[in-house]
Amino acid sequence: ILQKKTYSSCNSNLENIQMGKNNSKLRDDTLRELKQKTLFSEQELQDWYRGFVKDCPSGKLSVHEFRKIYAVFFPYGDASDFAEHVFRTFDENGDGSIDFAEFIQALSITSRGTLDEKLRWAFRMYDMDSNGYITKQEMLEIVRAIYKMVGKVMKMPEDESTPEKRTDKIFQQMDLNKDGRLSLLEFINGAKSDPSIVKLLQCDSS
């Protein structure tokens, strides 16, 4: 759901970052709290924290830095818009930056969460105004960002050849009550009932 190709690449990059060693260490109370809120062990959390601080000495990841990560892995397209949507979803408190707690909790869901948890997280990204529904315009904006990111590298079938066609196809399959918007339940049930919908959301043409 969350652009598996993007996340596998992004996670790989960040895993390389975490190999750097320094004296940074999470406080015991913070470590206990994050262990409760994530699926990572204490050692994994410390390793990720060392890497995070090494890459972001200020303790904050900016949207500019986040866009650069995506640009590395999508050199033939423009990943900036999609990176901003992912960044917005990581940025829980909306302060315009991602701290370690926000980063590691989102990473826990996207890499190790259950299908339901991943779908709920994805719903939050598509629900851009956080009103509990995904409109066709919101879906279209994300899909346009995905198409810009993959550029001409990925060949699309005719009925998905444009962001508009792909968005229409997703809504035809998911919007069961035809009210022009997707509830969380429609989104989760639709994704679970038809694997092809997940491919559509991931921009996977295989």
N, C-alpha and C. Protein backbone atom coordinates (compact mmCIF):
# COMPACT_ATOMS: atom_id res chain seq x y z
N ILE A 1 0.82 -1.19 0.00
CA ILE A 1 0.00 0.00 0.00
C ILE A 1 0.86 1.25 0.00
N LEU A 2 1.98 1.20 0.69
CA LEU A 2 2.78 2.41 0.85
C LEU A 2 3.96 2.44 -0.10
N GLN A 3 3.67 2.12 -1.35
CA GLN A 3 4.73 2.10 -2.34
C GLN A 3 5.86 1.20 -1.88
N LYS A 4 5.60 -0.12 -1.92
CA LYS A 4 6.57 -1.07 -1.37
C LYS A 4 7.95 -0.89 -1.98
N LYS A 5 8.02 -0.53 -3.26
CA LYS A 5 9.33 -0.33 -3.86
C LYS A 5 10.02 0.85 -3.20
N THR A 6 9.28 1.92 -2.95
CA THR A 6 9.85 3.10 -2.32
C THR A 6 10.34 2.77 -0.92
N TYR A 7 9.50 2.08 -0.15
CA TYR A 7 9.85 1.84 1.23
C TYR A 7 10.99 0.86 1.38
N SER A 8 11.03 -0.14 0.52
CA SER A 8 12.15 -1.07 0.63
C SER A 8 13.45 -0.34 0.34
N SER A 9 13.42 0.56 -0.65
CA SER A 9 14.63 1.31 -0.97
C SER A 9 14.96 2.30 0.12
N CYS A 10 13.95 3.04 0.59
CA CYS A 10 14.16 4.04 1.62
C CYS A 10 14.67 3.38 2.89
N ASN A 11 14.05 2.27 3.28
CA ASN A 11 14.47 1.57 4.49
C ASN A 11 15.89 1.06 4.35
N SER A 12 16.23 0.58 3.14
CA SER A 12 17.59 0.09 2.92
C SER A 12 18.59 1.21 3.12
N ASN A 13 18.27 2.38 2.59
CA ASN A 13 19.15 3.53 2.75
C ASN A 13 19.33 3.88 4.22
N LEU A 14 18.22 3.91 4.96
CA LEU A 14 18.28 4.28 6.36
C LEU A 14 18.96 3.21 7.19
N GLU A 15 18.84 1.96 6.77
CA GLU A 15 19.55 0.90 7.47
C GLU A 15 21.06 1.09 7.32
N ASN A 16 21.48 1.56 6.15
CA ASN A 16 22.91 1.84 5.96
C ASN A 16 23.35 2.98 6.87
N ILE A 17 22.47 3.98 7.00
CA ILE A 17 22.79 5.12 7.85
C ILE A 17 23.00 4.68 9.29
N GLN A 18 22.16 3.73 9.75
CA GLN A 18 22.20 3.38 11.16
C GLN A 18 23.48 2.66 11.55
N MET A 19 24.29 2.24 10.57
CA MET A 19 25.50 1.51 10.89
C MET A 19 26.56 2.42 11.51
N GLY A 20 26.39 3.73 11.33
CA GLY A 20 27.36 4.64 11.92
C GLY A 20 27.33 4.57 13.44
N LYS A 21 28.48 4.59 14.04
CA LYS A 21 28.56 4.46 15.49
C LYS A 21 28.95 5.80 16.11
N ASN A 22 28.21 6.18 17.15
CA ASN A 22 28.62 7.31 17.96
C ASN A 22 28.09 7.07 19.37
N ASN A 23 28.16 8.05 20.20
CA ASN A 23 27.79 7.86 21.60
C ASN A 23 26.33 8.17 21.88
N SER A 24 25.54 8.47 20.86
CA SER A 24 24.14 8.80 21.06
C SER A 24 23.39 7.60 21.61
N LYS A 25 22.55 7.87 22.58
CA LYS A 25 21.80 6.79 23.20
C LYS A 25 20.49 7.33 23.73
N LEU A 26 19.43 6.56 23.54
CA LEU A 26 18.11 6.95 24.04
C LEU A 26 18.08 6.88 25.56
N ARG A 27 17.38 7.82 26.18
CA ARG A 27 17.18 7.76 27.62
C ARG A 27 16.33 6.55 27.97
N ASP A 28 16.50 6.02 29.16
CA ASP A 28 15.80 4.80 29.56
C ASP A 28 14.29 4.94 29.48
N ASP A 29 13.76 6.09 29.93
CA ASP A 29 12.30 6.27 29.92
C ASP A 29 11.77 6.35 28.49
N THR A 30 12.52 7.02 27.62
CA THR A 30 12.14 7.11 26.20
C THR A 30 12.21 5.74 25.55
N LEU A 31 13.25 5.00 25.87
CA LEU A 31 13.43 3.67 25.32
C LEU A 31 12.26 2.76 25.71
N ARG A 32 11.87 2.80 26.96
CA ARG A 32 10.74 1.97 27.43
C ARG A 32 9.45 2.35 26.71
N GLU A 33 9.23 3.65 26.54
CA GLU A 33 8.01 4.12 25.89
C GLU A 33 7.96 3.68 24.43
N LEU A 34 9.07 3.82 23.72
CA LEU A 34 9.09 3.45 22.31
C LEU A 34 9.03 1.94 22.12
N LYS A 35 9.57 1.19 23.06
CA LYS A 35 9.46 -0.26 22.98
C LYS A 35 8.00 -0.71 23.10
N GLN A 36 7.23 0.02 23.91
CA GLN A 36 5.80 -0.28 24.05
C GLN A 36 5.01 0.11 22.80
N LYS A 37 5.46 1.16 22.13
CA LYS A 37 4.70 1.72 21.01
C LYS A 37 5.13 1.18 19.65
N THR A 38 6.22 0.41 19.62
CA THR A 38 6.71 -0.12 18.34
C THR A 38 6.93 -1.62 18.44
N LEU A 39 7.33 -2.20 17.32
CA LEU A 39 7.63 -3.63 17.27
C LEU A 39 9.13 -3.88 17.21
N PHE A 40 9.92 -2.90 17.65
CA PHE A 40 11.36 -3.03 17.66
C PHE A 40 11.87 -3.39 19.05
N SER A 41 12.97 -4.10 19.09
CA SER A 41 13.61 -4.43 20.36
C SER A 41 14.37 -3.21 20.86
N GLU A 42 14.81 -3.27 22.13
CA GLU A 42 15.58 -2.16 22.69
C GLU A 42 16.87 -1.93 21.90
N GLN A 43 17.54 -3.02 21.52
CA GLN A 43 18.78 -2.88 20.76
C GLN A 43 18.52 -2.26 19.39
N GLU A 44 17.44 -2.69 18.73
CA GLU A 44 17.10 -2.12 17.43
C GLU A 44 16.79 -0.64 17.55
N LEU A 45 16.07 -0.26 18.60
CA LEU A 45 15.74 1.14 18.81
C LEU A 45 17.01 1.97 19.02
N GLN A 46 17.93 1.46 19.81
CA GLN A 46 19.19 2.19 20.02
C GLN A 46 19.98 2.31 18.72
N ASP A 47 20.01 1.24 17.95
CA ASP A 47 20.72 1.28 16.67
C ASP A 47 20.11 2.30 15.72
N TRP A 48 18.78 2.28 15.61
CA TRP A 48 18.09 3.24 14.75
C TRP A 48 18.33 4.67 15.23
N TYR A 49 18.33 4.85 16.56
CA TYR A 49 18.52 6.19 17.10
C TYR A 49 19.92 6.72 16.78
N ARG A 50 20.93 5.87 16.93
CA ARG A 50 22.29 6.31 16.59
C ARG A 50 22.37 6.74 15.13
N GLY A 51 21.75 5.96 14.26
CA GLY A 51 21.75 6.32 12.85
C GLY A 51 20.99 7.59 12.56
N PHE A 52 19.86 7.76 13.24
CA PHE A 52 19.02 8.95 13.04
C PHE A 52 19.78 10.21 13.46
N VAL A 53 20.42 10.16 14.62
CA VAL A 53 21.15 11.32 15.11
C VAL A 53 22.38 11.60 14.25
N LYS A 54 23.00 10.54 13.75
CA LYS A 54 24.16 10.73 12.87
C LYS A 54 23.75 11.45 11.59
N ASP A 55 22.59 11.06 11.05
CA ASP A 55 22.12 11.67 9.80
C ASP A 55 21.44 13.01 10.04
N CYS A 56 20.83 13.17 11.20
CA CYS A 56 20.10 14.40 11.55
C CYS A 56 20.57 14.89 12.91
N PRO A 57 21.72 15.54 12.96
CA PRO A 57 22.29 15.97 14.25
C PRO A 57 21.35 16.86 15.07
N SER A 58 20.45 17.56 14.38
CA SER A 58 19.51 18.42 15.10
C SER A 58 18.42 17.63 15.80
N GLY A 59 18.31 16.33 15.47
CA GLY A 59 17.25 15.51 16.05
C GLY A 59 15.95 15.62 15.29
N LYS A 60 15.96 16.35 14.18
CA LYS A 60 14.75 16.55 13.37
C LYS A 60 15.08 16.27 11.91
N LEU A 61 14.15 15.61 11.23
CA LEU A 61 14.28 15.37 9.79
C LEU A 61 13.38 16.34 9.06
N SER A 62 13.93 17.15 8.19
CA SER A 62 13.14 18.15 7.47
C SER A 62 12.54 17.56 6.21
N VAL A 63 11.55 18.24 5.66
CA VAL A 63 10.93 17.78 4.43
C VAL A 63 11.94 17.83 3.28
N HIS A 64 12.84 18.78 3.32
CA HIS A 64 13.88 18.88 2.28
C HIS A 64 14.76 17.63 2.31
N GLU A 65 15.19 17.22 3.50
CA GLU A 65 16.02 16.02 3.62
C GLU A 65 15.24 14.77 3.21
N PHE A 66 13.96 14.75 3.55
CA PHE A 66 13.11 13.61 3.20
C PHE A 66 12.96 13.49 1.69
N ARG A 67 12.79 14.63 1.02
CA ARG A 67 12.67 14.62 -0.44
C ARG A 67 13.95 14.10 -1.08
N LYS A 68 15.10 14.44 -0.49
CA LYS A 68 16.38 13.99 -1.05
C LYS A 68 16.51 12.47 -1.00
N ILE A 69 15.98 11.85 0.05
CA ILE A 69 16.03 10.39 0.16
C ILE A 69 15.27 9.76 -1.01
N TYR A 70 14.07 10.27 -1.29
CA TYR A 70 13.27 9.73 -2.39
C TYR A 70 13.90 10.00 -3.74
N ALA A 71 14.52 11.15 -3.88
CA ALA A 71 15.13 11.51 -5.17
C ALA A 71 16.24 10.55 -5.54
N VAL A 72 16.95 10.03 -4.55
CA VAL A 72 18.04 9.09 -4.81
C VAL A 72 17.53 7.82 -5.49
N PHE A 73 16.35 7.37 -5.07
CA PHE A 73 15.84 6.10 -5.55
C PHE A 73 14.89 6.22 -6.73
N PHE A 74 14.54 7.44 -7.09
CA PHE A 74 13.70 7.66 -8.27
C PHE A 74 14.33 8.75 -9.14
N PRO A 75 15.53 8.46 -9.66
CA PRO A 75 16.27 9.48 -10.41
C PRO A 75 15.64 9.84 -11.75
N TYR A 76 14.75 8.97 -12.28
CA TYR A 76 14.17 9.22 -13.60
C TYR A 76 12.80 9.88 -13.52
N GLY A 77 12.36 10.18 -12.30
CA GLY A 77 11.09 10.87 -12.13
C GLY A 77 11.24 11.96 -11.09
N ASP A 78 10.12 12.57 -10.75
CA ASP A 78 10.11 13.63 -9.74
C ASP A 78 9.36 13.10 -8.52
N ALA A 79 10.11 12.75 -7.47
CA ALA A 79 9.51 12.14 -6.28
C ALA A 79 9.14 13.15 -5.21
N SER A 80 9.33 14.43 -5.48
CA SER A 80 9.17 15.44 -4.43
C SER A 80 7.75 15.50 -3.87
N ASP A 81 6.75 15.44 -4.74
CA ASP A 81 5.36 15.54 -4.26
C ASP A 81 4.99 14.33 -3.41
N PHE A 82 5.34 13.13 -3.88
CA PHE A 82 5.00 11.93 -3.12
C PHE A 82 5.73 11.92 -1.78
N ALA A 83 7.00 12.33 -1.79
CA ALA A 83 7.77 12.39 -0.54
C ALA A 83 7.10 13.32 0.46
N GLU A 84 6.54 14.41 -0.01
CA GLU A 84 5.87 15.35 0.89
C GLU A 84 4.63 14.73 1.51
N HIS A 85 3.91 13.92 0.73
CA HIS A 85 2.72 13.25 1.28
C HIS A 85 3.11 12.24 2.36
N VAL A 86 4.17 11.49 2.11
CA VAL A 86 4.65 10.53 3.11
C VAL A 86 5.16 11.28 4.34
N PHE A 87 5.88 12.36 4.10
CA PHE A 87 6.40 13.18 5.20
C PHE A 87 5.25 13.68 6.09
N ARG A 88 4.21 14.17 5.46
CA ARG A 88 3.05 14.67 6.21
C ARG A 88 2.47 13.60 7.13
N THR A 89 2.46 12.35 6.64
CA THR A 89 1.89 11.27 7.43
C THR A 89 2.82 10.86 8.57
N PHE A 90 4.12 10.93 8.36
CA PHE A 90 5.08 10.69 9.44
C PHE A 90 4.98 11.77 10.52
N ASP A 91 4.75 13.01 10.08
CA ASP A 91 4.78 14.17 10.98
C ASP A 91 3.49 14.25 11.80
N GLU A 92 3.43 13.46 12.85
CA GLU A 92 2.20 13.31 13.64
C GLU A 92 1.71 14.63 14.23
N ASN A 93 2.61 15.45 14.74
CA ASN A 93 2.17 16.67 15.42
C ASN A 93 2.10 17.88 14.49
N GLY A 94 2.42 17.67 13.21
CA GLY A 94 2.26 18.73 12.22
C GLY A 94 3.16 19.92 12.41
N ASP A 95 4.35 19.72 13.01
CA ASP A 95 5.24 20.86 13.25
C ASP A 95 6.22 21.10 12.11
N GLY A 96 6.07 20.33 11.02
CA GLY A 96 6.93 20.54 9.86
C GLY A 96 8.25 19.82 9.92
N SER A 97 8.42 18.93 10.89
CA SER A 97 9.64 18.12 10.98
C SER A 97 9.29 16.77 11.59
N ILE A 98 10.18 15.81 11.40
CA ILE A 98 9.97 14.48 11.94
C ILE A 98 11.04 14.22 13.00
N ASP A 99 10.61 14.00 14.25
CA ASP A 99 11.57 13.64 15.28
C ASP A 99 11.71 12.12 15.32
N PHE A 100 12.60 11.63 16.16
CA PHE A 100 12.88 10.20 16.15
C PHE A 100 11.65 9.38 16.53
N ALA A 101 10.90 9.83 17.51
CA ALA A 101 9.72 9.08 17.94
C ALA A 101 8.72 8.94 16.80
N GLU A 102 8.47 10.03 16.07
CA GLU A 102 7.56 9.97 14.93
C GLU A 102 8.10 9.04 13.85
N PHE A 103 9.38 9.16 13.60
CA PHE A 103 10.02 8.35 12.56
C PHE A 103 9.92 6.85 12.88
N ILE A 104 10.30 6.48 14.08
CA ILE A 104 10.39 5.06 14.41
C ILE A 104 9.02 4.42 14.56
N GLN A 105 8.02 5.19 15.02
CA GLN A 105 6.67 4.63 15.14
C GLN A 105 6.05 4.40 13.77
N ALA A 106 6.28 5.33 12.85
CA ALA A 106 5.78 5.14 11.49
C ALA A 106 6.50 3.98 10.81
N LEU A 107 7.81 3.90 11.01
CA LEU A 107 8.58 2.82 10.42
C LEU A 107 8.14 1.47 10.95
N SER A 108 7.80 1.41 12.22
CA SER A 108 7.33 0.16 12.82
C SER A 108 6.07 -0.33 12.14
N ILE A 109 5.15 0.60 11.87
CA ILE A 109 3.88 0.22 11.21
C ILE A 109 4.14 -0.21 9.78
N THR A 110 4.89 0.60 9.03
CA THR A 110 5.05 0.33 7.61
C THR A 110 5.93 -0.88 7.32
N SER A 111 6.80 -1.24 8.25
CA SER A 111 7.70 -2.37 8.00
C SER A 111 7.28 -3.64 8.73
N ARG A 112 6.59 -3.51 9.88
CA ARG A 112 6.29 -4.70 10.68
C ARG A 112 4.85 -4.78 11.15
N GLY A 113 4.05 -3.79 10.82
CA GLY A 113 2.67 -3.78 11.28
C GLY A 113 1.81 -4.83 10.59
N THR A 114 0.63 -5.05 11.14
CA THR A 114 -0.34 -5.94 10.52
C THR A 114 -0.90 -5.28 9.27
N LEU A 115 -1.60 -6.04 8.46
CA LEU A 115 -2.21 -5.48 7.25
C LEU A 115 -3.16 -4.35 7.62
N ASP A 116 -3.98 -4.56 8.66
CA ASP A 116 -4.91 -3.52 9.09
C ASP A 116 -4.17 -2.25 9.49
N GLU A 117 -3.08 -2.39 10.22
CA GLU A 117 -2.31 -1.22 10.66
C GLU A 117 -1.72 -0.48 9.47
N LYS A 118 -1.21 -1.23 8.52
CA LYS A 118 -0.64 -0.60 7.33
C LYS A 118 -1.71 0.12 6.51
N LEU A 119 -2.88 -0.50 6.41
CA LEU A 119 -3.96 0.12 5.64
C LEU A 119 -4.48 1.38 6.33
N ARG A 120 -4.56 1.35 7.65
CA ARG A 120 -4.99 2.55 8.38
C ARG A 120 -3.97 3.68 8.19
N TRP A 121 -2.71 3.31 8.18
CA TRP A 121 -1.66 4.32 7.97
C TRP A 121 -1.76 4.90 6.56
N ALA A 122 -1.97 4.02 5.60
CA ALA A 122 -2.10 4.48 4.21
C ALA A 122 -3.33 5.37 4.06
N PHE A 123 -4.42 5.00 4.73
CA PHE A 123 -5.64 5.82 4.66
C PHE A 123 -5.34 7.25 5.12
N ARG A 124 -4.55 7.37 6.18
CA ARG A 124 -4.22 8.70 6.68
C ARG A 124 -3.46 9.52 5.64
N MET A 125 -2.62 8.85 4.85
CA MET A 125 -1.89 9.58 3.82
C MET A 125 -2.83 10.08 2.72
N TYR A 126 -3.74 9.22 2.30
CA TYR A 126 -4.68 9.60 1.24
C TYR A 126 -5.72 10.61 1.73
N ASP A 127 -6.11 10.53 3.00
CA ASP A 127 -7.08 11.45 3.59
C ASP A 127 -6.36 12.75 3.95
N MET A 128 -6.14 13.57 2.97
CA MET A 128 -5.24 14.71 3.12
C MET A 128 -5.75 15.77 4.10
N ASP A 129 -7.07 15.94 4.21
CA ASP A 129 -7.58 16.94 5.14
C ASP A 129 -8.00 16.33 6.48
N SER A 130 -7.75 15.04 6.65
CA SER A 130 -8.00 14.33 7.92
C SER A 130 -9.45 14.43 8.39
N ASN A 131 -10.39 14.37 7.43
CA ASN A 131 -11.81 14.46 7.82
C ASN A 131 -12.47 13.08 7.90
N GLY A 132 -11.68 12.03 7.74
CA GLY A 132 -12.22 10.68 7.87
C GLY A 132 -12.68 10.06 6.56
N TYR A 133 -12.48 10.75 5.44
CA TYR A 133 -12.87 10.24 4.13
C TYR A 133 -11.81 10.60 3.09
N ILE A 134 -11.68 9.74 2.09
CA ILE A 134 -10.81 10.04 0.95
C ILE A 134 -11.70 10.43 -0.22
N THR A 135 -11.57 11.66 -0.69
CA THR A 135 -12.33 12.08 -1.86
C THR A 135 -11.58 11.66 -3.12
N LYS A 136 -12.28 11.70 -4.23
CA LYS A 136 -11.64 11.36 -5.50
C LYS A 136 -10.51 12.34 -5.81
N GLN A 137 -10.68 13.61 -5.44
CA GLN A 137 -9.63 14.60 -5.69
C GLN A 137 -8.39 14.31 -4.86
N GLU A 138 -8.60 13.90 -3.61
CA GLU A 138 -7.46 13.54 -2.76
C GLU A 138 -6.72 12.34 -3.32
N MET A 139 -7.48 11.32 -3.72
CA MET A 139 -6.86 10.14 -4.32
C MET A 139 -6.09 10.52 -5.58
N LEU A 140 -6.70 11.37 -6.40
CA LEU A 140 -6.07 11.77 -7.65
C LEU A 140 -4.76 12.50 -7.40
N GLU A 141 -4.72 13.33 -6.38
CA GLU A 141 -3.49 14.08 -6.10
C GLU A 141 -2.35 13.14 -5.72
N ILE A 142 -2.65 12.12 -4.92
CA ILE A 142 -1.61 11.16 -4.54
C ILE A 142 -1.18 10.35 -5.75
N VAL A 143 -2.15 9.89 -6.55
CA VAL A 143 -1.82 9.08 -7.72
C VAL A 143 -0.99 9.89 -8.72
N ARG A 144 -1.33 11.15 -8.90
CA ARG A 144 -0.52 12.01 -9.77
C ARG A 144 0.92 12.08 -9.26
N ALA A 145 1.08 12.19 -7.94
CA ALA A 145 2.42 12.25 -7.36
C ALA A 145 3.18 10.95 -7.62
N ILE A 146 2.48 9.82 -7.56
CA ILE A 146 3.12 8.53 -7.83
C ILE A 146 3.55 8.45 -9.29
N TYR A 147 2.68 8.88 -10.20
CA TYR A 147 3.02 8.83 -11.62
C TYR A 147 4.23 9.72 -11.93
N LYS A 148 4.28 10.88 -11.29
CA LYS A 148 5.44 11.76 -11.47
C LYS A 148 6.71 11.10 -10.95
N MET A 149 6.57 10.36 -9.87
CA MET A 149 7.73 9.73 -9.24
C MET A 149 8.31 8.61 -10.09
N VAL A 150 7.44 7.77 -10.65
CA VAL A 150 7.95 6.63 -11.42
C VAL A 150 8.32 7.03 -12.84
N GLY A 151 7.90 8.23 -13.26
CA GLY A 151 8.25 8.71 -14.59
C GLY A 151 7.74 7.77 -15.67
N LYS A 152 8.58 7.53 -16.66
CA LYS A 152 8.21 6.65 -17.77
C LYS A 152 8.80 5.26 -17.61
N VAL A 153 9.35 4.98 -16.43
CA VAL A 153 9.98 3.69 -16.19
C VAL A 153 8.96 2.57 -16.14
N MET A 154 7.79 2.85 -15.56
CA MET A 154 6.77 1.83 -15.40
C MET A 154 5.70 1.96 -16.50
N LYS A 155 5.51 0.91 -17.25
CA LYS A 155 4.51 0.92 -18.33
C LYS A 155 3.16 0.54 -17.76
N MET A 156 2.15 1.37 -18.02
CA MET A 156 0.81 1.16 -17.49
C MET A 156 -0.11 0.57 -18.55
N PRO A 157 -1.06 -0.27 -18.14
CA PRO A 157 -2.08 -0.72 -19.09
C PRO A 157 -2.95 0.44 -19.52
N GLU A 158 -3.66 0.28 -20.61
CA GLU A 158 -4.43 1.38 -21.19
C GLU A 158 -5.44 1.97 -20.20
N ASP A 159 -6.11 1.10 -19.42
CA ASP A 159 -7.15 1.62 -18.52
C ASP A 159 -6.56 2.23 -17.25
N GLU A 160 -5.21 2.29 -17.17
CA GLU A 160 -4.55 2.97 -16.05
C GLU A 160 -3.46 3.90 -16.57
N SER A 161 -3.57 4.30 -17.82
CA SER A 161 -2.50 5.04 -18.48
C SER A 161 -2.34 6.47 -17.98
N THR A 162 -3.35 6.98 -17.28
CA THR A 162 -3.26 8.32 -16.70
C THR A 162 -3.68 8.24 -15.23
N PRO A 163 -3.27 9.22 -14.43
CA PRO A 163 -3.71 9.24 -13.02
C PRO A 163 -5.23 9.26 -12.90
N GLU A 164 -5.89 9.96 -13.82
CA GLU A 164 -7.35 10.05 -13.78
C GLU A 164 -8.00 8.68 -13.99
N LYS A 165 -7.47 7.92 -14.97
CA LYS A 165 -8.03 6.60 -15.24
C LYS A 165 -7.80 5.65 -14.06
N ARG A 166 -6.62 5.72 -13.47
CA ARG A 166 -6.32 4.83 -12.34
C ARG A 166 -7.20 5.18 -11.14
N THR A 167 -7.38 6.46 -10.89
CA THR A 167 -8.22 6.89 -9.77
C THR A 167 -9.66 6.44 -9.98
N ASP A 168 -10.17 6.61 -11.19
CA ASP A 168 -11.53 6.16 -11.50
C ASP A 168 -11.67 4.66 -11.26
N LYS A 169 -10.66 3.90 -11.65
CA LYS A 169 -10.70 2.45 -11.49
C LYS A 169 -10.73 2.06 -10.02
N ILE A 170 -9.92 2.73 -9.21
CA ILE A 170 -9.90 2.46 -7.77
C ILE A 170 -11.26 2.75 -7.16
N PHE A 171 -11.84 3.89 -7.51
CA PHE A 171 -13.13 4.27 -6.93
C PHE A 171 -14.25 3.34 -7.39
N GLN A 172 -14.20 2.90 -8.63
CA GLN A 172 -15.21 1.96 -9.10
C GLN A 172 -15.21 0.68 -8.28
N GLN A 173 -14.04 0.25 -7.84
CA GLN A 173 -13.93 -0.99 -7.09
C GLN A 173 -14.14 -0.80 -5.58
N MET A 174 -13.82 0.38 -5.06
CA MET A 174 -13.86 0.58 -3.62
C MET A 174 -15.09 1.32 -3.11
N ASP A 175 -15.59 2.26 -3.89
CA ASP A 175 -16.68 3.13 -3.43
C ASP A 175 -18.02 2.42 -3.59
N LEU A 176 -18.32 1.54 -2.65
CA LEU A 176 -19.48 0.66 -2.79
C LEU A 176 -20.81 1.41 -2.73
N ASN A 177 -20.89 2.45 -1.91
CA ASN A 177 -22.15 3.19 -1.82
C ASN A 177 -22.24 4.35 -2.80
N LYS A 178 -21.21 4.50 -3.63
CA LYS A 178 -21.19 5.48 -4.73
C LYS A 178 -21.48 6.91 -4.26
N ASP A 179 -20.90 7.27 -3.12
CA ASP A 179 -21.10 8.64 -2.63
C ASP A 179 -19.92 9.55 -2.98
N GLY A 180 -18.98 9.02 -3.77
CA GLY A 180 -17.88 9.85 -4.23
C GLY A 180 -16.75 10.02 -3.24
N ARG A 181 -16.77 9.24 -2.17
CA ARG A 181 -15.70 9.31 -1.19
C ARG A 181 -15.54 7.93 -0.54
N LEU A 182 -14.36 7.68 0.01
CA LEU A 182 -14.08 6.39 0.62
C LEU A 182 -13.95 6.53 2.13
N SER A 183 -14.73 5.75 2.84
CA SER A 183 -14.58 5.69 4.29
C SER A 183 -13.42 4.76 4.62
N LEU A 184 -12.98 4.78 5.87
CA LEU A 184 -11.91 3.87 6.28
C LEU A 184 -12.34 2.42 6.07
N LEU A 185 -13.59 2.11 6.38
CA LEU A 185 -14.08 0.74 6.23
C LEU A 185 -14.08 0.32 4.77
N GLU A 186 -14.54 1.19 3.88
CA GLU A 186 -14.53 0.87 2.44
C GLU A 186 -13.10 0.65 1.96
N PHE A 187 -12.20 1.49 2.43
CA PHE A 187 -10.80 1.43 2.03
C PHE A 187 -10.17 0.10 2.46
N ILE A 188 -10.36 -0.25 3.73
CA ILE A 188 -9.77 -1.49 4.25
C ILE A 188 -10.42 -2.71 3.62
N ASN A 189 -11.75 -2.74 3.59
CA ASN A 189 -12.44 -3.90 3.02
C ASN A 189 -12.12 -4.08 1.54
N GLY A 190 -12.06 -2.96 0.82
CA GLY A 190 -11.75 -3.04 -0.61
C GLY A 190 -10.36 -3.59 -0.86
N ALA A 191 -9.40 -3.12 -0.07
CA ALA A 191 -8.03 -3.58 -0.24
C ALA A 191 -7.89 -5.05 0.13
N LYS A 192 -8.63 -5.47 1.16
CA LYS A 192 -8.53 -6.87 1.59
C LYS A 192 -9.25 -7.82 0.63
N SER A 193 -10.32 -7.35 0.02
CA SER A 193 -11.14 -8.24 -0.80
C SER A 193 -10.58 -8.47 -2.19
N ASP A 194 -9.73 -7.55 -2.65
CA ASP A 194 -9.25 -7.64 -4.02
C ASP A 194 -7.78 -7.22 -4.08
N PRO A 195 -6.87 -8.18 -4.20
CA PRO A 195 -5.44 -7.85 -4.25
C PRO A 195 -5.08 -6.88 -5.37
N SER A 196 -5.88 -6.85 -6.42
CA SER A 196 -5.57 -5.94 -7.53
C SER A 196 -5.70 -4.49 -7.10
N ILE A 197 -6.56 -4.23 -6.11
CA ILE A 197 -6.70 -2.85 -5.61
C ILE A 197 -5.42 -2.41 -4.92
N VAL A 198 -4.83 -3.33 -4.17
CA VAL A 198 -3.57 -3.00 -3.50
C VAL A 198 -2.51 -2.65 -4.53
N LYS A 199 -2.49 -3.41 -5.64
CA LYS A 199 -1.54 -3.10 -6.71
C LYS A 199 -1.81 -1.72 -7.30
N LEU A 200 -3.07 -1.38 -7.43
CA LEU A 200 -3.42 -0.07 -7.96
C LEU A 200 -2.93 1.04 -7.02
N LEU A 201 -3.12 0.83 -5.73
CA LEU A 201 -2.70 1.84 -4.76
C LEU A 201 -1.18 1.96 -4.70
N GLN A 202 -0.50 0.85 -4.94
CA GLN A 202 0.96 0.84 -4.91
C GLN A 202 1.57 1.29 -6.23
N CYS A 203 0.72 1.46 -7.22
CA CYS A 203 1.23 1.75 -8.56
C CYS A 203 2.09 0.59 -9.06
N ASP A 204 1.61 -0.61 -8.81
CA ASP A 204 2.31 -1.83 -9.24
C ASP A 204 1.60 -2.36 -10.46
N SER A 205 2.26 -2.39 -11.58
CA SER A 205 1.62 -2.82 -12.83
C SER A 205 1.87 -4.28 -13.13
N SER A 206 2.54 -5.00 -12.23
CA SER A 206 2.85 -6.40 -12.48
C SER A 206 1.63 -7.28 -12.32
